[in-house]
Amino acid sequence: MAVDLRRTRSVVATAAAVLAAAALSACGSADADQAAAPAPSSAATPSSAAPPIKGKLRGYGTVRQLSEAADLVVRGEVEAAGFRVDEVLRAATGSTVRAGARITLASLPSGVPDAAHMSTLEAGQVVVLYLAKDPTAPTFRTLSGDFGVFDVSGAGAEAVAVTRSQAMAVSGLLTEDPAASGHGFRTTLGQLRTVAAQVR
């Protein structure tokens, strides 16, 4: 019996999309409007009740995955008009961002599933951010919202770094820990530096 690989890929892709939508909707609060999974039919009619979905969030399992995907990994302080970079842990080739720089942070575009459930960066917060550069503007966005945010307390290499969200968080430095999934992740600034330095 021959299997049509194109059809198999389509079925797998559809199943993955449905599972991803279900996982993202489970991350929201019980009171929040849940985003509906896209209908398998191309004849679906748009609903005026739900905004159109303009993008999707990617989940990350490890700090290494975040470091590999980021254009910029920085530690610093959120300011009223942006972000003050105190340390660059990793920068993609060609980046001009250095310690002492101030960068502009952009929020997730409206219409991204669960964007309303993301935390807000507020002036005075000390964080490590895993950022993607906007290709059309001189701004940066955190990778998949809260996945790219670690709150930092303390000083030096032993400063504690904790994921902003428990649900939208990595579960390990280099390998995923299924038992830690959904419980947030805690590490040190020194360990974040080490992993970022390993990525080229």
C-alpha atoms as a PDB file:
ATOM      1  CA  MET A   1       0.000   0.000   0.000  1.00  0.00           C
ATOM      2  CA  ALA A   2       1.518   3.352  -1.046  1.00  0.00           C
ATOM      3  CA  VAL A   3       1.277   6.375   1.253  1.00  0.00           C
ATOM      4  CA  ASP A   4       1.009   9.838  -0.271  1.00  0.00           C
ATOM      5  CA  LEU A   5       3.624  11.815   1.715  1.00  0.00           C
ATOM      6  CA  ARG A   6       2.092  15.163   0.749  1.00  0.00           C
ATOM      7  CA  ARG A   7      -1.225  14.165   2.314  1.00  0.00           C
ATOM      8  CA  THR A   8       0.510  12.749   5.398  1.00  0.00           C
ATOM      9  CA  ARG A   9       2.422  16.026   5.907  1.00  0.00           C
ATOM     10  CA  SER A  10      -0.820  17.982   5.563  1.00  0.00           C
ATOM     11  CA  VAL A  11      -2.554  15.806   8.154  1.00  0.00           C
ATOM     12  CA  VAL A  12       0.405  16.094  10.534  1.00  0.00           C
ATOM     13  CA  ALA A  13       0.568  19.885  10.063  1.00  0.00           C
ATOM     14  CA  THR A  14      -3.173  20.240  10.716  1.00  0.00           C
ATOM     15  CA  ALA A  15      -2.935  18.081  13.850  1.00  0.00           C
ATOM     16  CA  ALA A  16       0.035  20.108  15.095  1.00  0.00           C
ATOM     17  CA  ALA A  17      -1.843  23.378  14.540  1.00  0.00           C
ATOM     18  CA  VAL A  18      -4.896  22.127  16.446  1.00  0.00           C
ATOM     19  CA  LEU A  19      -2.743  20.890  19.341  1.00  0.00           C
ATOM     20  CA  ALA A  20      -0.817  24.180  19.448  1.00  0.00           C
ATOM     21  CA  ALA A  21      -4.054  26.178  19.539  1.00  0.00           C
ATOM     22  CA  ALA A  22      -5.389  23.965  22.327  1.00  0.00           C
ATOM     23  CA  ALA A  23      -2.159  24.344  24.319  1.00  0.00           C
ATOM     24  CA  LEU A  24      -2.140  28.127  23.948  1.00  0.00           C
ATOM     25  CA  SER A  25      -5.792  28.448  24.939  1.00  0.00           C
ATOM     26  CA  ALA A  26      -5.094  26.328  28.024  1.00  0.00           C
ATOM     27  CA  CYS A  27      -2.455  28.896  29.085  1.00  0.00           C
ATOM     28  CA  GLY A  28      -5.071  31.640  29.410  1.00  0.00           C
ATOM     29  CA  SER A  29      -7.290  32.296  32.393  1.00  0.00           C
ATOM     30  CA  ALA A  30     -10.680  30.684  32.704  1.00  0.00           C
ATOM     31  CA  ASP A  31     -12.384  34.079  32.398  1.00  0.00           C
ATOM     32  CA  ALA A  32     -10.574  35.137  29.205  1.00  0.00           C
ATOM     33  CA  ASP A  33     -12.030  34.739  25.747  1.00  0.00           C
ATOM     34  CA  GLN A  34     -10.520  31.641  24.205  1.00  0.00           C
ATOM     35  CA  ALA A  35      -9.180  31.825  20.655  1.00  0.00           C
ATOM     36  CA  ALA A  36     -10.897  29.297  18.424  1.00  0.00           C
ATOM     37  CA  ALA A  37      -8.801  26.835  16.464  1.00  0.00           C
ATOM     38  CA  PRO A  38      -8.925  27.509  12.734  1.00  0.00           C
ATOM     39  CA  ALA A  39     -11.574  25.543  10.881  1.00  0.00           C
ATOM     40  CA  PRO A  40     -10.206  22.848   8.552  1.00  0.00           C
ATOM     41  CA  SER A  41     -12.416  24.159   5.738  1.00  0.00           C
ATOM     42  CA  SER A  42     -11.183  27.029   3.592  1.00  0.00           C
ATOM     43  CA  ALA A  43     -14.784  28.261   3.418  1.00  0.00           C
ATOM     44  CA  ALA A  44     -14.786  29.406   7.064  1.00  0.00           C
ATOM     45  CA  THR A  45     -16.407  32.794   7.565  1.00  0.00           C
ATOM     46  CA  PRO A  46     -14.715  35.425   9.699  1.00  0.00           C
ATOM     47  CA  SER A  47     -16.374  36.275  12.990  1.00  0.00           C
ATOM     48  CA  SER A  48     -16.711  39.839  14.186  1.00  0.00           C
ATOM     49  CA  ALA A  49     -16.450  38.619  17.811  1.00  0.00           C
ATOM     50  CA  ALA A  50     -12.806  37.471  17.590  1.00  0.00           C
ATOM     51  CA  PRO A  51      -9.963  39.548  16.140  1.00  0.00           C
ATOM     52  CA  PRO A  52      -8.107  37.963  13.247  1.00  0.00           C
ATOM     53  CA  ILE A  53      -5.078  35.906  14.221  1.00  0.00           C
ATOM     54  CA  LYS A  54      -1.996  37.624  12.798  1.00  0.00           C
ATOM     55  CA  GLY A  55       0.750  35.369  14.120  1.00  0.00           C
ATOM     56  CA  LYS A  56       1.565  32.613  16.496  1.00  0.00           C
ATOM     57  CA  LEU A  57       3.774  32.152  19.498  1.00  0.00           C
ATOM     58  CA  ARG A  58       6.538  29.589  19.444  1.00  0.00           C
ATOM     59  CA  GLY A  59       7.216  27.608  22.591  1.00  0.00           C
ATOM     60  CA  TYR A  60      10.770  27.089  23.803  1.00  0.00           C
ATOM     61  CA  GLY A  61      11.852  24.153  25.954  1.00  0.00           C
ATOM     62  CA  THR A  62      15.349  25.249  26.970  1.00  0.00           C
ATOM     63  CA  VAL A  63      17.475  28.320  27.583  1.00  0.00           C
ATOM     64  CA  ARG A  64      19.742  27.073  24.786  1.00  0.00           C
ATOM     65  CA  GLN A  65      16.811  27.158  22.327  1.00  0.00           C
ATOM     66  CA  LEU A  66      16.003  30.725  23.397  1.00  0.00           C
ATOM     67  CA  SER A  67      19.669  31.731  23.005  1.00  0.00           C
ATOM     68  CA  GLU A  68      19.904  30.181  19.540  1.00  0.00           C
ATOM     69  CA  ALA A  69      16.730  31.895  18.336  1.00  0.00           C
ATOM     70  CA  ALA A  70      17.462  35.339  19.805  1.00  0.00           C
ATOM     71  CA  ASP A  71      19.037  38.152  17.825  1.00  0.00           C
ATOM     72  CA  LEU A  72      20.031  39.724  21.128  1.00  0.00           C
ATOM     73  CA  VAL A  73      20.251  38.512  24.749  1.00  0.00           C
ATOM     74  CA  VAL A  74      20.665  41.360  27.227  1.00  0.00           C
ATOM     75  CA  ARG A  75      20.544  42.118  30.942  1.00  0.00           C
ATOM     76  CA  GLY A  76      19.436  45.541  32.039  1.00  0.00           C
ATOM     77  CA  GLU A  77      16.679  47.711  33.410  1.00  0.00           C
ATOM     78  CA  VAL A  78      13.342  48.655  31.931  1.00  0.00           C
ATOM     79  CA  GLU A  79      12.980  52.435  31.662  1.00  0.00           C
ATOM     80  CA  ALA A  80       9.915  54.573  30.973  1.00  0.00           C
ATOM     81  CA  ALA A  81      11.049  55.135  27.384  1.00  0.00           C
ATOM     82  CA  GLY A  82      12.701  51.787  26.596  1.00  0.00           C
ATOM     83  CA  PHE A  83      15.409  49.530  27.950  1.00  0.00           C
ATOM     84  CA  ARG A  84      18.895  50.303  29.274  1.00  0.00           C
ATOM     85  CA  VAL A  85      21.372  47.561  28.337  1.00  0.00           C
ATOM     86  CA  ASP A  86      23.801  46.853  31.189  1.00  0.00           C
ATOM     87  CA  GLU A  87      25.251  43.679  29.666  1.00  0.00           C
ATOM     88  CA  VAL A  88      25.097  41.901  26.314  1.00  0.00           C
ATOM     89  CA  LEU A  89      25.078  38.143  26.897  1.00  0.00           C
ATOM     90  CA  ARG A  90      24.810  37.337  23.186  1.00  0.00           C
ATOM     91  CA  ALA A  91      24.378  39.337  20.003  1.00  0.00           C
ATOM     92  CA  ALA A  92      23.826  38.123  16.464  1.00  0.00           C
ATOM     93  CA  THR A  93      26.487  38.910  13.907  1.00  0.00           C
ATOM     94  CA  GLY A  94      26.282  42.539  12.835  1.00  0.00           C
ATOM     95  CA  SER A  95      24.552  43.772  15.990  1.00  0.00           C
ATOM     96  CA  THR A  96      25.701  47.202  17.156  1.00  0.00           C
ATOM     97  CA  VAL A  97      24.044  47.015  20.584  1.00  0.00           C
ATOM     98  CA  ARG A  98      26.582  47.322  23.412  1.00  0.00           C
ATOM     99  CA  ALA A  99      26.461  47.772  27.199  1.00  0.00           C
ATOM    100  CA  GLY A 100      25.258  51.298  27.957  1.00  0.00           C
ATOM    101  CA  ALA A 101      22.972  51.442  24.926  1.00  0.00           C
ATOM    102  CA  ARG A 102      19.282  52.164  25.124  1.00  0.00           C
ATOM    103  CA  ILE A 103      16.975  50.156  22.909  1.00  0.00           C
ATOM    104  CA  THR A 104      13.299  50.415  22.055  1.00  0.00           C
ATOM    105  CA  LEU A 105      11.037  47.506  22.908  1.00  0.00           C
ATOM    106  CA  ALA A 106       7.879  46.780  20.930  1.00  0.00           C
ATOM    107  CA  SER A 107       4.904  44.802  22.151  1.00  0.00           C
ATOM    108  CA  LEU A 108       3.493  41.775  20.379  1.00  0.00           C
ATOM    109  CA  PRO A 109       1.268  42.701  17.440  1.00  0.00           C
ATOM    110  CA  SER A 110      -2.447  42.756  18.179  1.00  0.00           C
ATOM    111  CA  GLY A 111      -4.206  39.614  17.082  1.00  0.00           C
ATOM    112  CA  VAL A 112      -1.457  37.254  18.291  1.00  0.00           C
ATOM    113  CA  PRO A 113      -3.063  34.480  20.362  1.00  0.00           C
ATOM    114  CA  ASP A 114      -2.684  35.044  24.122  1.00  0.00           C
ATOM    115  CA  ALA A 115      -1.031  38.479  23.645  1.00  0.00           C
ATOM    116  CA  ALA A 116      -3.538  39.869  26.139  1.00  0.00           C
ATOM    117  CA  HIS A 117      -2.289  37.376  28.747  1.00  0.00           C
ATOM    118  CA  MET A 118       1.345  38.487  28.537  1.00  0.00           C
ATOM    119  CA  SER A 119       2.942  40.424  31.344  1.00  0.00           C
ATOM    120  CA  THR A 120       3.994  44.031  30.955  1.00  0.00           C
ATOM    121  CA  LEU A 121       7.544  45.278  31.341  1.00  0.00           C
ATOM    122  CA  GLU A 122       7.489  48.214  33.755  1.00  0.00           C
ATOM    123  CA  ALA A 123      10.078  50.859  34.570  1.00  0.00           C
ATOM    124  CA  GLY A 124      12.548  49.763  37.247  1.00  0.00           C
ATOM    125  CA  GLN A 125      12.385  46.028  36.543  1.00  0.00           C
ATOM    126  CA  VAL A 126      15.776  44.316  36.168  1.00  0.00           C
ATOM    127  CA  VAL A 127      15.535  41.516  33.619  1.00  0.00           C
ATOM    128  CA  VAL A 128      17.329  39.346  31.100  1.00  0.00           C
ATOM    129  CA  LEU A 129      15.557  39.581  27.745  1.00  0.00           C
ATOM    130  CA  TYR A 130      15.775  37.224  24.772  1.00  0.00           C
ATOM    131  CA  LEU A 131      14.943  39.490  21.846  1.00  0.00           C
ATOM    132  CA  ALA A 132      14.137  39.351  18.151  1.00  0.00           C
ATOM    133  CA  LYS A 133      14.992  42.405  16.049  1.00  0.00           C
ATOM    134  CA  ASP A 134      12.198  43.875  13.987  1.00  0.00           C
ATOM    135  CA  PRO A 135      13.411  43.714  10.360  1.00  0.00           C
ATOM    136  CA  THR A 136      11.540  46.901   9.405  1.00  0.00           C
ATOM    137  CA  ALA A 137      12.110  49.140  12.439  1.00  0.00           C
ATOM    138  CA  PRO A 138      14.833  49.832  15.016  1.00  0.00           C
ATOM    139  CA  THR A 139      12.931  47.950  17.742  1.00  0.00           C
ATOM    140  CA  PHE A 140      13.092  44.587  19.501  1.00  0.00           C
ATOM    141  CA  ARG A 141      10.432  42.174  20.789  1.00  0.00           C
ATOM    142  CA  THR A 142      10.793  39.480  23.417  1.00  0.00           C
ATOM    143  CA  LEU A 143      10.747  35.991  21.920  1.00  0.00           C
ATOM    144  CA  SER A 144       7.200  34.639  22.166  1.00  0.00           C
ATOM    145  CA  GLY A 145       6.169  37.166  24.778  1.00  0.00           C
ATOM    146  CA  ASP A 146       6.905  35.928  28.286  1.00  0.00           C
ATOM    147  CA  PHE A 147       9.128  33.066  27.085  1.00  0.00           C
ATOM    148  CA  GLY A 148      11.837  35.684  26.486  1.00  0.00           C
ATOM    149  CA  VAL A 149      11.699  37.353  29.937  1.00  0.00           C
ATOM    150  CA  PHE A 150      13.669  36.391  33.069  1.00  0.00           C
ATOM    151  CA  ASP A 151      13.307  38.554  36.194  1.00  0.00           C
ATOM    152  CA  VAL A 152      16.652  39.040  37.951  1.00  0.00           C
ATOM    153  CA  SER A 153      17.251  39.645  41.669  1.00  0.00           C
ATOM    154  CA  GLY A 154      20.592  39.933  43.405  1.00  0.00           C
ATOM    155  CA  ALA A 155      23.995  40.749  41.967  1.00  0.00           C
ATOM    156  CA  GLY A 156      26.861  38.976  40.263  1.00  0.00           C
ATOM    157  CA  ALA A 157      26.931  35.514  38.722  1.00  0.00           C
ATOM    158  CA  GLU A 158      24.804  34.090  41.542  1.00  0.00           C
ATOM    159  CA  ALA A 159      21.937  36.543  40.951  1.00  0.00           C
ATOM    160  CA  VAL A 160      18.682  34.609  40.678  1.00  0.00           C
ATOM    161  CA  ALA A 161      16.966  34.588  37.281  1.00  0.00           C
ATOM    162  CA  VAL A 162      13.341  33.396  37.201  1.00  0.00           C
ATOM    163  CA  THR A 163      11.056  33.074  34.195  1.00  0.00           C
ATOM    164  CA  ARG A 164       8.354  35.744  34.120  1.00  0.00           C
ATOM    165  CA  SER A 165       5.593  33.203  33.472  1.00  0.00           C
ATOM    166  CA  GLN A 166       5.105  29.741  34.865  1.00  0.00           C
ATOM    167  CA  ALA A 167       3.138  28.467  31.883  1.00  0.00           C
ATOM    168  CA  MET A 168       5.133  30.183  29.124  1.00  0.00           C
ATOM    169  CA  ALA A 169       8.572  29.171  30.350  1.00  0.00           C
ATOM    170  CA  VAL A 170      11.478  26.941  29.485  1.00  0.00           C
ATOM    171  CA  SER A 171      11.977  23.822  31.587  1.00  0.00           C
ATOM    172  CA  GLY A 172      15.771  23.445  31.464  1.00  0.00           C
ATOM    173  CA  LEU A 173      19.103  24.982  30.507  1.00  0.00           C
ATOM    174  CA  LEU A 174      20.281  22.527  27.830  1.00  0.00           C
ATOM    175  CA  THR A 175      17.656  19.778  27.975  1.00  0.00           C
ATOM    176  CA  GLU A 176      13.971  19.910  28.760  1.00  0.00           C
ATOM    177  CA  ASP A 177      12.704  18.592  32.085  1.00  0.00           C
ATOM    178  CA  PRO A 178       9.122  17.371  31.551  1.00  0.00           C
ATOM    179  CA  ALA A 179       8.524  17.369  35.318  1.00  0.00           C
ATOM    180  CA  ALA A 180       9.307  21.112  35.453  1.00  0.00           C
ATOM    181  CA  SER A 181       7.079  22.039  32.522  1.00  0.00           C
ATOM    182  CA  GLY A 182       4.372  24.509  33.505  1.00  0.00           C
ATOM    183  CA  HIS A 183       6.047  25.383  36.815  1.00  0.00           C
ATOM    184  CA  GLY A 184       8.359  28.154  35.669  1.00  0.00           C
ATOM    185  CA  PHE A 185      12.147  27.920  35.681  1.00  0.00           C
ATOM    186  CA  ARG A 186      14.725  29.240  38.117  1.00  0.00           C
ATOM    187  CA  THR A 187      18.467  29.527  37.464  1.00  0.00           C
ATOM    188  CA  THR A 188      21.330  31.977  37.986  1.00  0.00           C
ATOM    189  CA  LEU A 189      22.568  34.842  35.863  1.00  0.00           C
ATOM    190  CA  GLY A 190      25.891  33.000  35.598  1.00  0.00           C
ATOM    191  CA  GLN A 191      24.189  29.970  34.043  1.00  0.00           C
ATOM    192  CA  LEU A 192      22.318  32.159  31.535  1.00  0.00           C
ATOM    193  CA  ARG A 193      25.667  33.749  30.585  1.00  0.00           C
ATOM    194  CA  THR A 194      27.295  30.340  30.132  1.00  0.00           C
ATOM    195  CA  VAL A 195      24.562  29.012  27.850  1.00  0.00           C
ATOM    196  CA  ALA A 196      24.498  32.228  25.787  1.00  0.00           C
ATOM    197  CA  ALA A 197      28.290  32.059  25.368  1.00  0.00           C
ATOM    198  CA  GLN A 198      28.029  28.496  24.001  1.00  0.00           C
ATOM    199  CA  VAL A 199      25.792  29.589  21.140  1.00  0.00           C
ATOM    200  CA  ARG A 200      27.501  30.963  18.032  1.00  0.00           C
END
